[in-house]
Amino acid sequence: MVSDLYGQLAEADLSQLQVNRAEATHASLFVAGWRPAIGWICAAALAYQFVFMPIALWLTAWQGIDFATPPSLDSHIWELMFGMLGMGALRSLEKLKGIAGR
């Protein structure tokens, strides 16, 4: 039973690799570039919220500079990131079960 699960997971991984390879080599930027674009946007937003903004606020407070607090992002960026990861996983599951068109 466990070996069947590992076999299904390995097949799903191989299927996803084939999809990724096909998307990456596609001539259209809208097909080949959507994952990296959204990934970089999420990474930039997370870096801004949890790295750059706290350091900037600390540095300005440490230097005694009166600095207006920049706008902050809320937890919705996490929802977007996890939603994207979940949709990718569901698409892989559909392909594994043969539900989705190729």
PDB file of N, CA and C in Angstrom:
ATOM      1  N   MET A   1       0.823  -1.187   0.000  1.00  0.00           N
ATOM      2  CA  MET A   1       0.000   0.000   0.000  1.00  0.00           C
ATOM      3  C   MET A   1       0.870   1.254   0.000  1.00  0.00           C
ATOM      4  N   VAL A   2       1.889   1.276   0.844  1.00  0.00           N
ATOM      5  CA  VAL A   2       2.778   2.435   0.910  1.00  0.00           C
ATOM      6  C   VAL A   2       3.586   2.548  -0.376  1.00  0.00           C
ATOM      7  N   SER A   3       4.031   1.394  -0.920  1.00  0.00           N
ATOM      8  CA  SER A   3       4.797   1.439  -2.160  1.00  0.00           C
ATOM      9  C   SER A   3       3.934   1.949  -3.310  1.00  0.00           C
ATOM     10  N   ASP A   4       2.624   1.638  -3.298  1.00  0.00           N
ATOM     11  CA  ASP A   4       1.726   2.175  -4.323  1.00  0.00           C
ATOM     12  C   ASP A   4       1.651   3.694  -4.232  1.00  0.00           C
ATOM     13  N   LEU A   5       1.598   4.206  -3.012  1.00  0.00           N
ATOM     14  CA  LEU A   5       1.553   5.653  -2.806  1.00  0.00           C
ATOM     15  C   LEU A   5       2.828   6.301  -3.325  1.00  0.00           C
ATOM     16  N   TYR A   6       3.975   5.701  -3.010  1.00  0.00           N
ATOM     17  CA  TYR A   6       5.240   6.249  -3.504  1.00  0.00           C
ATOM     18  C   TYR A   6       5.304   6.200  -5.024  1.00  0.00           C
ATOM     19  N   GLY A   7       4.781   5.147  -5.609  1.00  0.00           N
ATOM     20  CA  GLY A   7       4.747   5.046  -7.066  1.00  0.00           C
ATOM     21  C   GLY A   7       3.874   6.125  -7.690  1.00  0.00           C
ATOM     22  N   GLN A   8       2.721   6.391  -7.063  1.00  0.00           N
ATOM     23  CA  GLN A   8       1.825   7.438  -7.559  1.00  0.00           C
ATOM     24  C   GLN A   8       2.469   8.807  -7.415  1.00  0.00           C
ATOM     25  N   LEU A   9       3.160   9.023  -6.302  1.00  0.00           N
ATOM     26  CA  LEU A   9       3.834  10.305  -6.105  1.00  0.00           C
ATOM     27  C   LEU A   9       4.953  10.499  -7.115  1.00  0.00           C
ATOM     28  N   ALA A  10       5.688   9.445  -7.394  1.00  0.00           N
ATOM     29  CA  ALA A  10       6.766   9.535  -8.385  1.00  0.00           C
ATOM     30  C   ALA A  10       6.183   9.827  -9.768  1.00  0.00           C
ATOM     31  N   GLU A  11       5.066   9.184 -10.112  1.00  0.00           N
ATOM     32  CA  GLU A  11       4.416   9.462 -11.386  1.00  0.00           C
ATOM     33  C   GLU A  11       3.929  10.906 -11.454  1.00  0.00           C
ATOM     34  N   ALA A  12       3.380  11.405 -10.346  1.00  0.00           N
ATOM     35  CA  ALA A  12       2.914  12.792 -10.302  1.00  0.00           C
ATOM     36  C   ALA A  12       4.078  13.751 -10.490  1.00  0.00           C
ATOM     37  N   ASP A  13       5.206  13.460  -9.857  1.00  0.00           N
ATOM     38  CA  ASP A  13       6.392  14.307 -10.010  1.00  0.00           C
ATOM     39  C   ASP A  13       6.863  14.320 -11.454  1.00  0.00           C
ATOM     40  N   LEU A  14       6.884  13.151 -12.087  1.00  0.00           N
ATOM     41  CA  LEU A  14       7.309  13.084 -13.482  1.00  0.00           C
ATOM     42  C   LEU A  14       6.331  13.825 -14.398  1.00  0.00           C
ATOM     43  N   SER A  15       5.051  13.693 -14.123  1.00  0.00           N
ATOM     44  CA  SER A  15       4.054  14.419 -14.913  1.00  0.00           C
ATOM     45  C   SER A  15       4.232  15.925 -14.767  1.00  0.00           C
ATOM     46  N   GLN A  16       4.464  16.368 -13.549  1.00  0.00           N
ATOM     47  CA  GLN A  16       4.645  17.802 -13.319  1.00  0.00           C
ATOM     48  C   GLN A  16       5.919  18.305 -13.985  1.00  0.00           C
ATOM     49  N   LEU A  17       6.967  17.509 -13.982  1.00  0.00           N
ATOM     50  CA  LEU A  17       8.196  17.886 -14.676  1.00  0.00           C
ATOM     51  C   LEU A  17       7.953  18.059 -16.167  1.00  0.00           C
ATOM     52  N   GLN A  18       7.162  17.175 -16.754  1.00  0.00           N
ATOM     53  CA  GLN A  18       6.853  17.293 -18.178  1.00  0.00           C
ATOM     54  C   GLN A  18       6.052  18.558 -18.468  1.00  0.00           C
ATOM     55  N   VAL A  19       5.089  18.867 -17.603  1.00  0.00           N
ATOM     56  CA  VAL A  19       4.303  20.086 -17.771  1.00  0.00           C
ATOM     57  C   VAL A  19       5.198  21.309 -17.632  1.00  0.00           C
ATOM     58  N   ASN A  20       6.040  21.320 -16.612  1.00  0.00           N
ATOM     59  CA  ASN A  20       6.945  22.451 -16.401  1.00  0.00           C
ATOM     60  C   ASN A  20       7.869  22.645 -17.593  1.00  0.00           C
ATOM     61  N   ARG A  21       8.397  21.543 -18.128  1.00  0.00           N
ATOM     62  CA  ARG A  21       9.306  21.621 -19.270  1.00  0.00           C
ATOM     63  C   ARG A  21       8.578  22.183 -20.490  1.00  0.00           C
ATOM     64  N   ALA A  22       7.351  21.716 -20.728  1.00  0.00           N
ATOM     65  CA  ALA A  22       6.579  22.214 -21.868  1.00  0.00           C
ATOM     66  C   ALA A  22       6.254  23.693 -21.716  1.00  0.00           C
ATOM     67  N   GLU A  23       5.881  24.118 -20.512  1.00  0.00           N
ATOM     68  CA  GLU A  23       5.579  25.534 -20.285  1.00  0.00           C
ATOM     69  C   GLU A  23       6.825  26.395 -20.435  1.00  0.00           C
ATOM     70  N   ALA A  24       7.952  25.919 -19.929  1.00  0.00           N
ATOM     71  CA  ALA A  24       9.181  26.701 -19.970  1.00  0.00           C
ATOM     72  C   ALA A  24       9.694  26.905 -21.388  1.00  0.00           C
ATOM     73  N   THR A  25       9.417  25.973 -22.285  1.00  0.00           N
ATOM     74  CA  THR A  25       9.903  26.098 -23.652  1.00  0.00           C
ATOM     75  C   THR A  25       8.882  26.736 -24.587  1.00  0.00           C
ATOM     76  N   HIS A  26       7.727  27.088 -24.072  1.00  0.00           N
ATOM     77  CA  HIS A  26       6.687  27.685 -24.905  1.00  0.00           C
ATOM     78  C   HIS A  26       7.150  29.052 -25.409  1.00  0.00           C
ATOM     79  N   ALA A  27       6.768  29.396 -26.635  1.00  0.00           N
ATOM     80  CA  ALA A  27       7.210  30.652 -27.246  1.00  0.00           C
ATOM     81  C   ALA A  27       6.541  31.875 -26.623  1.00  0.00           C
ATOM     82  N   SER A  28       5.343  31.719 -26.099  1.00  0.00           N
ATOM     83  CA  SER A  28       4.618  32.848 -25.534  1.00  0.00           C
ATOM     84  C   SER A  28       5.086  33.144 -24.109  1.00  0.00           C
ATOM     85  N   LEU A  29       5.363  34.413 -23.850  1.00  0.00           N
ATOM     86  CA  LEU A  29       5.765  34.821 -22.504  1.00  0.00           C
ATOM     87  C   LEU A  29       4.637  34.612 -21.500  1.00  0.00           C
ATOM     88  N   PHE A  30       3.390  34.672 -21.973  1.00  0.00           N
ATOM     89  CA  PHE A  30       2.258  34.494 -21.063  1.00  0.00           C
ATOM     90  C   PHE A  30       2.121  33.063 -20.583  1.00  0.00           C
ATOM     91  N   VAL A  31       2.659  32.128 -21.321  1.00  0.00           N
ATOM     92  CA  VAL A  31       2.639  30.730 -20.894  1.00  0.00           C
ATOM     93  C   VAL A  31       3.912  30.408 -20.125  1.00  0.00           C
ATOM     94  N   ALA A  32       5.037  30.789 -20.667  1.00  0.00           N
ATOM     95  CA  ALA A  32       6.323  30.432 -20.066  1.00  0.00           C
ATOM     96  C   ALA A  32       6.677  31.313 -18.877  1.00  0.00           C
ATOM     97  N   GLY A  33       6.106  32.494 -18.791  1.00  0.00           N
ATOM     98  CA  GLY A  33       6.551  33.427 -17.767  1.00  0.00           C
ATOM     99  C   GLY A  33       5.624  33.666 -16.605  1.00  0.00           C
ATOM    100  N   TRP A  34       4.434  33.054 -16.585  1.00  0.00           N
ATOM    101  CA  TRP A  34       3.508  33.392 -15.504  1.00  0.00           C
ATOM    102  C   TRP A  34       3.966  32.877 -14.156  1.00  0.00           C
ATOM    103  N   ARG A  35       4.504  31.679 -14.095  1.00  0.00           N
ATOM    104  CA  ARG A  35       4.940  31.149 -12.801  1.00  0.00           C
ATOM    105  C   ARG A  35       6.108  31.958 -12.230  1.00  0.00           C
ATOM    106  N   PRO A  36       7.148  32.199 -13.020  1.00  0.00           N
ATOM    107  CA  PRO A  36       8.241  33.000 -12.466  1.00  0.00           C
ATOM    108  C   PRO A  36       7.796  34.410 -12.081  1.00  0.00           C
ATOM    109  N   ALA A  37       6.929  35.018 -12.876  1.00  0.00           N
ATOM    110  CA  ALA A  37       6.490  36.379 -12.570  1.00  0.00           C
ATOM    111  C   ALA A  37       5.747  36.436 -11.244  1.00  0.00           C
ATOM    112  N   ILE A  38       4.791  35.543 -11.060  1.00  0.00           N
ATOM    113  CA  ILE A  38       4.029  35.528  -9.813  1.00  0.00           C
ATOM    114  C   ILE A  38       4.923  35.132  -8.648  1.00  0.00           C
ATOM    115  N   GLY A  39       5.802  34.184  -8.876  1.00  0.00           N
ATOM    116  CA  GLY A  39       6.735  33.783  -7.822  1.00  0.00           C
ATOM    117  C   GLY A  39       7.622  34.936  -7.380  1.00  0.00           C
ATOM    118  N   TRP A  40       8.158  35.694  -8.346  1.00  0.00           N
ATOM    119  CA  TRP A  40       9.014  36.833  -7.995  1.00  0.00           C
ATOM    120  C   TRP A  40       8.221  37.939  -7.312  1.00  0.00           C
ATOM    121  N   ILE A  41       6.978  38.152  -7.743  1.00  0.00           N
ATOM    122  CA  ILE A  41       6.144  39.161  -7.081  1.00  0.00           C
ATOM    123  C   ILE A  41       5.894  38.771  -5.634  1.00  0.00           C
ATOM    124  N   CYS A  42       5.566  37.510  -5.394  1.00  0.00           N
ATOM    125  CA  CYS A  42       5.357  37.045  -4.009  1.00  0.00           C
ATOM    126  C   CYS A  42       6.645  37.154  -3.202  1.00  0.00           C
ATOM    127  N   ALA A  43       7.767  36.764  -3.791  1.00  0.00           N
ATOM    128  CA  ALA A  43       9.046  36.839  -3.078  1.00  0.00           C
ATOM    129  C   ALA A  43       9.400  38.284  -2.756  1.00  0.00           C
ATOM    130  N   ALA A  44       9.176  39.199  -3.694  1.00  0.00           N
ATOM    131  CA  ALA A  44       9.474  40.606  -3.449  1.00  0.00           C
ATOM    132  C   ALA A  44       8.577  41.175  -2.353  1.00  0.00           C
ATOM    133  N   ALA A  45       7.299  40.816  -2.384  1.00  0.00           N
ATOM    134  CA  ALA A  45       6.374  41.307  -1.361  1.00  0.00           C
ATOM    135  C   ALA A  45       6.745  40.781   0.018  1.00  0.00           C
ATOM    136  N   LEU A  46       7.109  39.502   0.096  1.00  0.00           N
ATOM    137  CA  LEU A  46       7.515  38.933   1.392  1.00  0.00           C
ATOM    138  C   LEU A  46       8.819  39.567   1.881  1.00  0.00           C
ATOM    139  N   ALA A  47       9.764  39.795   0.975  1.00  0.00           N
ATOM    140  CA  ALA A  47      11.026  40.434   1.365  1.00  0.00           C
ATOM    141  C   ALA A  47      10.776  41.854   1.849  1.00  0.00           C
ATOM    142  N   TYR A  48       9.918  42.585   1.158  1.00  0.00           N
ATOM    143  CA  TYR A  48       9.587  43.942   1.580  1.00  0.00           C
ATOM    144  C   TYR A  48       8.978  43.944   2.979  1.00  0.00           C
ATOM    145  N   GLN A  49       7.984  43.081   3.186  1.00  0.00           N
ATOM    146  CA  GLN A  49       7.245  43.077   4.450  1.00  0.00           C
ATOM    147  C   GLN A  49       8.069  42.592   5.630  1.00  0.00           C
ATOM    148  N   PHE A  50       8.876  41.566   5.429  1.00  0.00           N
ATOM    149  CA  PHE A  50       9.518  40.921   6.569  1.00  0.00           C
ATOM    150  C   PHE A  50      11.021  41.122   6.655  1.00  0.00           C
ATOM    151  N   VAL A  51      11.636  41.780   5.649  1.00  0.00           N
ATOM    152  CA  VAL A  51      13.079  42.022   5.703  1.00  0.00           C
ATOM    153  C   VAL A  51      13.374  43.517   5.576  1.00  0.00           C
ATOM    154  N   PHE A  52      13.043  44.080   4.411  1.00  0.00           N
ATOM    155  CA  PHE A  52      13.457  45.454   4.126  1.00  0.00           C
ATOM    156  C   PHE A  52      12.748  46.494   4.991  1.00  0.00           C
ATOM    157  N   MET A  53      11.440  46.399   5.129  1.00  0.00           N
ATOM    158  CA  MET A  53      10.716  47.390   5.920  1.00  0.00           C
ATOM    159  C   MET A  53      11.130  47.364   7.392  1.00  0.00           C
ATOM    160  N   PRO A  54      11.229  46.200   8.045  1.00  0.00           N
ATOM    161  CA  PRO A  54      11.674  46.221   9.440  1.00  0.00           C
ATOM    162  C   PRO A  54      13.094  46.779   9.611  1.00  0.00           C
ATOM    163  N   ILE A  55      13.984  46.462   8.688  1.00  0.00           N
ATOM    164  CA  ILE A  55      15.351  46.996   8.787  1.00  0.00           C
ATOM    165  C   ILE A  55      15.342  48.499   8.581  1.00  0.00           C
ATOM    166  N   ALA A  56      14.565  48.987   7.596  1.00  0.00           N
ATOM    167  CA  ALA A  56      14.491  50.431   7.362  1.00  0.00           C
ATOM    168  C   ALA A  56      13.919  51.156   8.579  1.00  0.00           C
ATOM    169  N   LEU A  57      12.885  50.593   9.181  1.00  0.00           N
ATOM    170  CA  LEU A  57      12.298  51.219  10.370  1.00  0.00           C
ATOM    171  C   LEU A  57      13.277  51.218  11.533  1.00  0.00           C
ATOM    172  N   TRP A  58      14.009  50.125  11.701  1.00  0.00           N
ATOM    173  CA  TRP A  58      14.986  50.053  12.780  1.00  0.00           C
ATOM    174  C   TRP A  58      16.111  51.067  12.556  1.00  0.00           C
ATOM    175  N   LEU A  59      16.624  51.144  11.335  1.00  0.00           N
ATOM    176  CA  LEU A  59      17.713  52.077  11.046  1.00  0.00           C
ATOM    177  C   LEU A  59      17.295  53.529  11.253  1.00  0.00           C
ATOM    178  N   THR A  60      16.101  53.882  10.803  1.00  0.00           N
ATOM    179  CA  THR A  60      15.656  55.268  10.975  1.00  0.00           C
ATOM    180  C   THR A  60      15.409  55.585  12.448  1.00  0.00           C
ATOM    181  N   ALA A  61      14.869  54.643  13.196  1.00  0.00           N
ATOM    182  CA  ALA A  61      14.677  54.875  14.635  1.00  0.00           C
ATOM    183  C   ALA A  61      16.023  54.976  15.347  1.00  0.00           C
ATOM    184  N   TRP A  62      16.971  54.149  14.955  1.00  0.00           N
ATOM    185  CA  TRP A  62      18.295  54.153  15.571  1.00  0.00           C
ATOM    186  C   TRP A  62      19.036  55.457  15.299  1.00  0.00           C
ATOM    187  N   GLN A  63      18.861  56.001  14.108  1.00  0.00           N
ATOM    188  CA  GLN A  63      19.505  57.255  13.733  1.00  0.00           C
ATOM    189  C   GLN A  63      18.709  58.472  14.218  1.00  0.00           C
ATOM    190  N   GLY A  64      17.532  58.255  14.768  1.00  0.00           N
ATOM    191  CA  GLY A  64      16.711  59.347  15.259  1.00  0.00           C
ATOM    192  C   GLY A  64      16.040  60.134  14.150  1.00  0.00           C
ATOM    193  N   ILE A  65      15.879  59.536  13.012  1.00  0.00           N
ATOM    194  CA  ILE A  65      15.254  60.201  11.873  1.00  0.00           C
ATOM    195  C   ILE A  65      13.748  60.028  11.982  1.00  0.00           C
ATOM    196  N   ASP A  66      13.031  61.143  11.837  1.00  0.00           N
ATOM    197  CA  ASP A  66      11.572  61.084  11.845  1.00  0.00           C
ATOM    198  C   ASP A  66      11.131  60.591  10.475  1.00  0.00           C
ATOM    199  N   PHE A  67      10.590  59.399  10.434  1.00  0.00           N
ATOM    200  CA  PHE A  67      10.289  58.736   9.181  1.00  0.00           C
ATOM    201  C   PHE A  67       8.874  58.193   9.242  1.00  0.00           C
ATOM    202  N   ALA A  68       8.082  58.554   8.256  1.00  0.00           N
ATOM    203  CA  ALA A  68       6.714  58.027   8.209  1.00  0.00           C
ATOM    204  C   ALA A  68       6.767  56.530   7.918  1.00  0.00           C
ATOM    205  N   THR A  69       5.989  55.791   8.651  1.00  0.00           N
ATOM    206  CA  THR A  69       5.964  54.347   8.457  1.00  0.00           C
ATOM    207  C   THR A  69       5.407  54.030   7.074  1.00  0.00           C
ATOM    208  N   PRO A  70       6.156  53.262   6.288  1.00  0.00           N
ATOM    209  CA  PRO A  70       5.651  52.904   4.959  1.00  0.00           C
ATOM    210  C   PRO A  70       4.467  51.952   5.066  1.00  0.00           C
ATOM    211  N   PRO A  71       3.682  51.873   4.016  1.00  0.00           N
ATOM    212  CA  PRO A  71       2.530  50.962   4.077  1.00  0.00           C
ATOM    213  C   PRO A  71       2.992  49.526   4.245  1.00  0.00           C
ATOM    214  N   SER A  72       2.205  48.779   4.969  1.00  0.00           N
ATOM    215  CA  SER A  72       2.573  47.380   5.186  1.00  0.00           C
ATOM    216  C   SER A  72       1.572  46.476   4.482  1.00  0.00           C
ATOM    217  N   LEU A  73       2.056  45.308   4.169  1.00  0.00           N
ATOM    218  CA  LEU A  73       1.194  44.288   3.576  1.00  0.00           C
ATOM    219  C   LEU A  73       0.610  43.474   4.711  1.00  0.00           C
ATOM    220  N   ASP A  74      -0.521  42.913   4.487  1.00  0.00           N
ATOM    221  CA  ASP A  74      -1.106  42.085   5.536  1.00  0.00           C
ATOM    222  C   ASP A  74      -0.949  40.610   5.174  1.00  0.00           C
ATOM    223  N   SER A  75      -1.694  39.777   5.826  1.00  0.00           N
ATOM    224  CA  SER A  75      -1.538  38.333   5.646  1.00  0.00           C
ATOM    225  C   SER A  75      -2.033  37.832   4.295  1.00  0.00           C
ATOM    226  N   HIS A  76      -2.620  38.688   3.497  1.00  0.00           N
ATOM    227  CA  HIS A  76      -3.160  38.233   2.208  1.00  0.00           C
ATOM    228  C   HIS A  76      -2.066  37.757   1.250  1.00  0.00           C
ATOM    229  N   ILE A  77      -0.855  38.240   1.407  1.00  0.00           N
ATOM    230  CA  ILE A  77       0.222  37.771   0.538  1.00  0.00           C
ATOM    231  C   ILE A  77       0.494  36.284   0.778  1.00  0.00           C
ATOM    232  N   TRP A  78       0.372  35.844   2.022  1.00  0.00           N
ATOM    233  CA  TRP A  78       0.537  34.415   2.327  1.00  0.00           C
ATOM    234  C   TRP A  78      -0.587  33.617   1.684  1.00  0.00           C
ATOM    235  N   GLU A  79      -1.801  34.145   1.733  1.00  0.00           N
ATOM    236  CA  GLU A  79      -2.936  33.462   1.124  1.00  0.00           C
ATOM    237  C   GLU A  79      -2.721  33.298  -0.376  1.00  0.00           C
ATOM    238  N   LEU A  80      -2.207  34.325  -1.022  1.00  0.00           N
ATOM    239  CA  LEU A  80      -1.922  34.246  -2.448  1.00  0.00           C
ATOM    240  C   LEU A  80      -0.869  33.185  -2.734  1.00  0.00           C
ATOM    241  N   MET A  81       0.201  33.197  -1.966  1.00  0.00           N
ATOM    242  CA  MET A  81       1.285  32.252  -2.199  1.00  0.00           C
ATOM    243  C   MET A  81       0.814  30.808  -1.977  1.00  0.00           C
ATOM    244  N   PHE A  82       0.137  30.551  -0.867  1.00  0.00           N
ATOM    245  CA  PHE A  82      -0.331  29.193  -0.602  1.00  0.00           C
ATOM    246  C   PHE A  82      -1.420  28.774  -1.586  1.00  0.00           C
ATOM    247  N   GLY A  83      -2.242  29.722  -2.017  1.00  0.00           N
ATOM    248  CA  GLY A  83      -3.244  29.415  -3.028  1.00  0.00           C
ATOM    249  C   GLY A  83      -2.613  28.985  -4.341  1.00  0.00           C
ATOM    250  N   MET A  84      -1.567  29.685  -4.745  1.00  0.00           N
ATOM    251  CA  MET A  84      -0.867  29.313  -5.973  1.00  0.00           C
ATOM    252  C   MET A  84      -0.236  27.934  -5.851  1.00  0.00           C
ATOM    253  N   LEU A  85       0.379  27.667  -4.720  1.00  0.00           N
ATOM    254  CA  LEU A  85       0.985  26.357  -4.514  1.00  0.00           C
ATOM    255  C   LEU A  85      -0.075  25.259  -4.516  1.00  0.00           C
ATOM    256  N   GLY A  86      -1.214  25.545  -3.923  1.00  0.00           N
ATOM    257  CA  GLY A  86      -2.300  24.572  -3.889  1.00  0.00           C
ATOM    258  C   GLY A  86      -2.885  24.305  -5.259  1.00  0.00           C
ATOM    259  N   MET A  87      -3.041  25.363  -6.075  1.00  0.00           N
ATOM    260  CA  MET A  87      -3.573  25.167  -7.419  1.00  0.00           C
ATOM    261  C   MET A  87      -2.613  24.332  -8.261  1.00  0.00           C
ATOM    262  N   GLY A  88      -1.321  24.555  -8.089  1.00  0.00           N
ATOM    263  CA  GLY A  88      -0.340  23.739  -8.814  1.00  0.00           C
ATOM    264  C   GLY A  88      -0.423  22.282  -8.407  1.00  0.00           C
ATOM    265  N   ALA A  89      -0.607  22.037  -7.125  1.00  0.00           N
ATOM    266  CA  ALA A  89      -0.715  20.660  -6.639  1.00  0.00           C
ATOM    267  C   ALA A  89      -1.997  20.001  -7.144  1.00  0.00           C
ATOM    268  N   LEU A  90      -3.103  20.748  -7.153  1.00  0.00           N
ATOM    269  CA  LEU A  90      -4.361  20.179  -7.646  1.00  0.00           C
ATOM    270  C   LEU A  90      -4.290  19.868  -9.136  1.00  0.00           C
ATOM    271  N   ARG A  91      -3.631  20.720  -9.888  1.00  0.00           N
ATOM    272  CA  ARG A  91      -3.473  20.465 -11.328  1.00  0.00           C
ATOM    273  C   ARG A  91      -2.655  19.195 -11.550  1.00  0.00           C
ATOM    274  N   SER A  92      -1.624  19.012 -10.749  1.00  0.00           N
ATOM    275  CA  SER A  92      -0.820  17.793 -10.857  1.00  0.00           C
ATOM    276  C   SER A  92      -1.658  16.566 -10.525  1.00  0.00           C
ATOM    277  N   LEU A  93      -2.511  16.683  -9.516  1.00  0.00           N
ATOM    278  CA  LEU A  93      -3.386  15.566  -9.135  1.00  0.00           C
ATOM    279  C   LEU A  93      -4.376  15.231 -10.248  1.00  0.00           C
ATOM    280  N   GLU A  94      -4.926  16.275 -10.893  1.00  0.00           N
ATOM    281  CA  GLU A  94      -5.838  16.034 -12.009  1.00  0.00           C
ATOM    282  C   GLU A  94      -5.131  15.287 -13.136  1.00  0.00           C
ATOM    283  N   LYS A  95      -3.920  15.690 -13.448  1.00  0.00           N
ATOM    284  CA  LYS A  95      -3.174  15.021 -14.515  1.00  0.00           C
ATOM    285  C   LYS A  95      -2.854  13.585 -14.133  1.00  0.00           C
ATOM    286  N   LEU A  96      -2.533  13.363 -12.856  1.00  0.00           N
ATOM    287  CA  LEU A  96      -2.218  12.016 -12.390  1.00  0.00           C
ATOM    288  C   LEU A  96      -3.429  11.097 -12.534  1.00  0.00           C
ATOM    289  N   LYS A  97      -4.599  11.617 -12.201  1.00  0.00           N
ATOM    290  CA  LYS A  97      -5.813  10.802 -12.278  1.00  0.00           C
ATOM    291  C   LYS A  97      -6.388  10.753 -13.687  1.00  0.00           C
ATOM    292  N   GLY A  98      -5.830  11.528 -14.612  1.00  0.00           N
ATOM    293  CA  GLY A  98      -6.316  11.531 -15.988  1.00  0.00           C
ATOM    294  C   GLY A  98      -7.612  12.305 -16.163  1.00  0.00           C
ATOM    295  N   ILE A  99      -7.932  13.175 -15.229  1.00  0.00           N
ATOM    296  CA  ILE A  99      -9.172  13.955 -15.297  1.00  0.00           C
ATOM    297  C   ILE A  99      -9.013  15.117 -16.271  1.00  0.00           C
ATOM    298  N   ALA A 100      -7.878  15.787 -16.204  1.00  0.00           N
ATOM    299  CA  ALA A 100      -7.647  16.980 -17.010  1.00  0.00           C
ATOM    300  C   ALA A 100      -7.178  16.613 -18.406  1.00  0.00           C
ATOM    301  N   GLY A 101      -7.529  17.447 -19.359  1.00  0.00           N
ATOM    302  CA  GLY A 101      -7.041  17.253 -20.716  1.00  0.00           C
ATOM    303  C   GLY A 101      -5.562  17.555 -20.792  1.00  0.00           C
ATOM    304  N   ARG A 102      -4.873  16.926 -21.655  1.00  0.00           N
ATOM    305  CA  ARG A 102      -3.428  17.109 -21.762  1.00  0.00           C
ATOM    306  C   ARG A 102      -3.106  18.310 -22.560  1.00  0.00           C
TER     307      ARG A 102
END
